[in-house]
């Protein structure tokens, strides 16, 4: 009788451990995907900011060149 209860208890614990491991594995998978998505978003934002700075600098340089007064020859 004790052996049957012990085996049943072991089986319950084993199934619980398997279910818990499955849940944890899924949580880790979701965490990694979320982390990867966040890194992609961060890198995209960083790239956008760098591009914005480059374009602003080029625009400022273009404005300075355009602001140079033209000298009439002749």
N, C-alpha and C. Protein backbone atom coordinates (compact mmCIF):
# COMPACT_ATOMS: atom_id res chain seq x y z
N UNK A 1 0.83 -1.19 0.00
CA UNK A 1 0.00 0.00 0.00
C UNK A 1 0.87 1.25 0.00
N UNK A 2 1.89 1.26 0.88
CA UNK A 2 2.78 2.41 0.97
C UNK A 2 3.51 2.62 -0.36
N UNK A 3 3.89 1.51 -1.01
CA UNK A 3 4.58 1.59 -2.29
C UNK A 3 3.69 2.22 -3.34
N UNK A 4 2.41 1.90 -3.35
CA UNK A 4 1.48 2.48 -4.32
C UNK A 4 1.33 3.99 -4.10
N UNK A 5 1.22 4.39 -2.85
CA UNK A 5 1.09 5.82 -2.54
C UNK A 5 2.37 6.55 -2.92
N UNK A 6 3.48 5.93 -2.62
CA UNK A 6 4.76 6.55 -2.95
C UNK A 6 4.91 6.70 -4.46
N UNK A 7 4.56 5.68 -5.21
CA UNK A 7 4.65 5.75 -6.67
C UNK A 7 3.68 6.79 -7.23
N UNK A 8 2.48 6.84 -6.65
CA UNK A 8 1.50 7.84 -7.10
C UNK A 8 2.00 9.24 -6.79
N UNK A 9 2.59 9.41 -5.62
CA UNK A 9 3.13 10.72 -5.24
C UNK A 9 4.28 11.11 -6.17
N UNK A 10 5.15 10.15 -6.46
CA UNK A 10 6.26 10.41 -7.37
C UNK A 10 5.75 10.79 -8.76
N UNK A 11 4.71 10.10 -9.19
CA UNK A 11 4.13 10.39 -10.51
C UNK A 11 3.54 11.80 -10.54
N UNK A 12 2.83 12.18 -9.47
CA UNK A 12 2.26 13.53 -9.40
C UNK A 12 3.37 14.58 -9.42
N UNK A 13 4.41 14.34 -8.63
CA UNK A 13 5.55 15.28 -8.59
C UNK A 13 6.22 15.35 -9.95
N UNK A 14 6.41 14.22 -10.59
CA UNK A 14 7.05 14.18 -11.91
C UNK A 14 6.24 14.98 -12.93
N UNK A 15 4.92 14.78 -12.94
CA UNK A 15 4.06 15.52 -13.87
C UNK A 15 4.07 17.01 -13.56
N UNK A 16 4.07 17.35 -12.28
CA UNK A 16 4.13 18.75 -11.88
C UNK A 16 5.44 19.38 -12.36
N UNK A 17 6.55 18.67 -12.15
CA UNK A 17 7.85 19.18 -12.58
C UNK A 17 7.89 19.37 -14.10
N UNK A 18 7.33 18.43 -14.83
CA UNK A 18 7.31 18.54 -16.29
C UNK A 18 6.49 19.74 -16.73
N UNK A 19 5.34 19.94 -16.09
CA UNK A 19 4.48 21.08 -16.43
C UNK A 19 5.16 22.39 -16.08
N UNK A 20 5.78 22.43 -14.91
CA UNK A 20 6.50 23.64 -14.49
C UNK A 20 7.65 23.94 -15.44
N UNK A 21 8.39 22.92 -15.82
CA UNK A 21 9.50 23.11 -16.76
C UNK A 21 9.00 23.62 -18.10
N UNK A 22 7.88 23.09 -18.55
CA UNK A 22 7.29 23.53 -19.82
C UNK A 22 6.89 25.00 -19.74
N UNK A 23 6.28 25.40 -18.63
CA UNK A 23 5.87 26.80 -18.45
C UNK A 23 7.10 27.70 -18.40
N UNK A 24 8.11 27.29 -17.66
CA UNK A 24 9.33 28.10 -17.57
C UNK A 24 10.03 28.22 -18.93
N UNK A 25 10.06 27.14 -19.68
CA UNK A 25 10.67 27.17 -21.01
C UNK A 25 9.93 28.16 -21.91
N UNK A 26 8.60 28.16 -21.83
CA UNK A 26 7.80 29.09 -22.63
C UNK A 26 8.05 30.53 -22.18
N UNK A 27 8.16 30.74 -20.87
CA UNK A 27 8.45 32.09 -20.35
C UNK A 27 9.80 32.60 -20.84
N UNK A 28 10.80 31.73 -20.82
CA UNK A 28 12.13 32.12 -21.30
C UNK A 28 12.07 32.45 -22.79
N UNK A 29 11.34 31.66 -23.54
CA UNK A 29 11.20 31.90 -24.98
C UNK A 29 10.55 33.27 -25.23
N UNK A 30 9.48 33.58 -24.48
CA UNK A 30 8.81 34.87 -24.62
C UNK A 30 9.73 36.01 -24.21
N UNK A 31 10.48 35.81 -23.12
CA UNK A 31 11.41 36.84 -22.66
C UNK A 31 12.47 37.13 -23.72
N UNK A 32 13.04 36.08 -24.29
CA UNK A 32 14.06 36.27 -25.32
C UNK A 32 13.50 37.00 -26.54
N UNK A 33 12.29 36.62 -26.95
CA UNK A 33 11.67 37.29 -28.10
C UNK A 33 11.41 38.75 -27.79
N UNK A 34 10.90 39.02 -26.60
CA UNK A 34 10.63 40.39 -26.18
C UNK A 34 11.92 41.20 -26.12
N UNK A 35 12.97 40.58 -25.59
CA UNK A 35 14.28 41.25 -25.52
C UNK A 35 14.80 41.55 -26.92
N UNK A 36 14.68 40.58 -27.82
CA UNK A 36 15.13 40.78 -29.19
C UNK A 36 14.33 41.90 -29.86
N UNK A 37 13.02 41.92 -29.66
CA UNK A 37 12.19 42.98 -30.22
C UNK A 37 12.59 44.34 -29.67
N UNK A 38 12.86 44.40 -28.36
CA UNK A 38 13.29 45.66 -27.76
C UNK A 38 14.63 46.12 -28.32
N UNK A 39 15.55 45.19 -28.54
CA UNK A 39 16.85 45.56 -29.10
C UNK A 39 16.69 46.07 -30.53
N UNK A 40 15.83 45.44 -31.30
CA UNK A 40 15.57 45.90 -32.66
C UNK A 40 14.98 47.30 -32.63
N UNK A 41 14.01 47.53 -31.74
CA UNK A 41 13.41 48.86 -31.62
C UNK A 41 14.45 49.89 -31.19
N UNK A 42 15.29 49.51 -30.23
CA UNK A 42 16.33 50.42 -29.75
C UNK A 42 17.31 50.75 -30.87
N UNK A 43 17.75 49.74 -31.60
CA UNK A 43 18.70 49.97 -32.70
C UNK A 43 18.07 50.81 -33.80
N UNK A 44 16.79 50.58 -34.08
CA UNK A 44 16.09 51.38 -35.09
C UNK A 44 16.01 52.83 -34.66
N UNK A 45 15.66 53.06 -33.40
CA UNK A 45 15.58 54.43 -32.89
C UNK A 45 16.95 55.10 -32.91
N UNK A 46 17.99 54.36 -32.52
CA UNK A 46 19.34 54.91 -32.54
C UNK A 46 19.75 55.27 -33.97
N UNK A 47 19.47 54.38 -34.91
CA UNK A 47 19.78 54.65 -36.31
C UNK A 47 19.02 55.88 -36.79
N UNK A 48 17.73 55.97 -36.43
CA UNK A 48 16.93 57.13 -36.83
C UNK A 48 17.50 58.43 -36.27
N UNK A 49 17.94 58.39 -35.02
CA UNK A 49 18.52 59.59 -34.40
C UNK A 49 19.83 59.98 -35.09
N UNK A 50 20.67 58.99 -35.40
CA UNK A 50 21.92 59.28 -36.09
C UNK A 50 21.65 59.84 -37.48
N UNK A 51 20.69 59.26 -38.17
CA UNK A 51 20.33 59.73 -39.50
C UNK A 51 19.79 61.16 -39.42
N UNK A 52 18.98 61.43 -38.43
CA UNK A 52 18.43 62.77 -38.24
C UNK A 52 19.56 63.78 -38.00
N UNK A 53 20.55 63.41 -37.19
CA UNK A 53 21.69 64.30 -36.93
C UNK A 53 22.49 64.55 -38.20
N UNK A 54 22.71 63.51 -38.97
CA UNK A 54 23.46 63.65 -40.23
C UNK A 54 22.71 64.56 -41.19
N UNK A 55 21.41 64.32 -41.33
CA UNK A 55 20.61 65.14 -42.23
C UNK A 55 20.55 66.59 -41.76
N UNK A 56 20.45 66.80 -40.45
CA UNK A 56 20.43 68.16 -39.91
C UNK A 56 21.74 68.87 -40.21
N UNK A 57 22.87 68.16 -40.06
CA UNK A 57 24.17 68.76 -40.34
C UNK A 57 24.31 69.08 -41.83
N UNK A 58 23.87 68.18 -42.68
CA UNK A 58 23.94 68.43 -44.12
C UNK A 58 23.02 69.58 -44.52
N UNK A 59 21.85 69.65 -43.93
CA UNK A 59 20.92 70.74 -44.22
C UNK A 59 21.51 72.07 -43.78
N UNK A 60 22.12 72.09 -42.61
CA UNK A 60 22.75 73.32 -42.11
C UNK A 60 23.89 73.74 -43.04
N UNK A 61 24.68 72.79 -43.49
CA UNK A 61 25.78 73.09 -44.41
C UNK A 61 25.21 73.62 -45.73
N UNK A 62 24.15 73.03 -46.22
CA UNK A 62 23.51 73.49 -47.45
C UNK A 62 22.98 74.91 -47.28
N UNK A 63 22.38 75.19 -46.14
CA UNK A 63 21.87 76.54 -45.87
C UNK A 63 23.00 77.56 -45.84
N UNK A 64 24.12 77.18 -45.24
CA UNK A 64 25.27 78.10 -45.18
C UNK A 64 25.79 78.37 -46.59
N UNK A 65 25.85 77.35 -47.42
CA UNK A 65 26.31 77.54 -48.79
C UNK A 65 25.34 78.41 -49.57
N UNK A 66 24.06 78.20 -49.34
CA UNK A 66 23.04 78.97 -50.05
C UNK A 66 23.00 80.41 -49.56
N UNK A 67 23.41 80.65 -48.34
CA UNK A 67 23.36 81.99 -47.76
C UNK A 67 24.52 82.85 -48.25
N UNK A 68 25.48 82.25 -48.91
CA UNK A 68 26.60 83.03 -49.43
C UNK A 68 26.09 83.98 -50.49
N UNK A 69 26.34 85.27 -50.31
CA UNK A 69 25.84 86.23 -51.29
C UNK A 69 26.51 86.03 -52.65
N UNK A 70 25.71 86.14 -53.66
CA UNK A 70 26.24 86.01 -55.01
C UNK A 70 26.80 87.35 -55.45
N UNK A 71 27.95 87.31 -56.06
CA UNK A 71 28.59 88.54 -56.54
C UNK A 71 28.28 88.67 -58.03
N UNK A 72 27.77 89.80 -58.39
CA UNK A 72 27.44 90.04 -59.78
C UNK A 72 28.72 90.45 -60.52
N UNK A 73 29.01 89.73 -61.53
CA UNK A 73 30.21 90.02 -62.32
C UNK A 73 29.77 90.76 -63.57
N UNK A 74 30.51 91.82 -63.86
CA UNK A 74 30.25 92.45 -65.13
C UNK A 74 29.75 93.78 -65.12
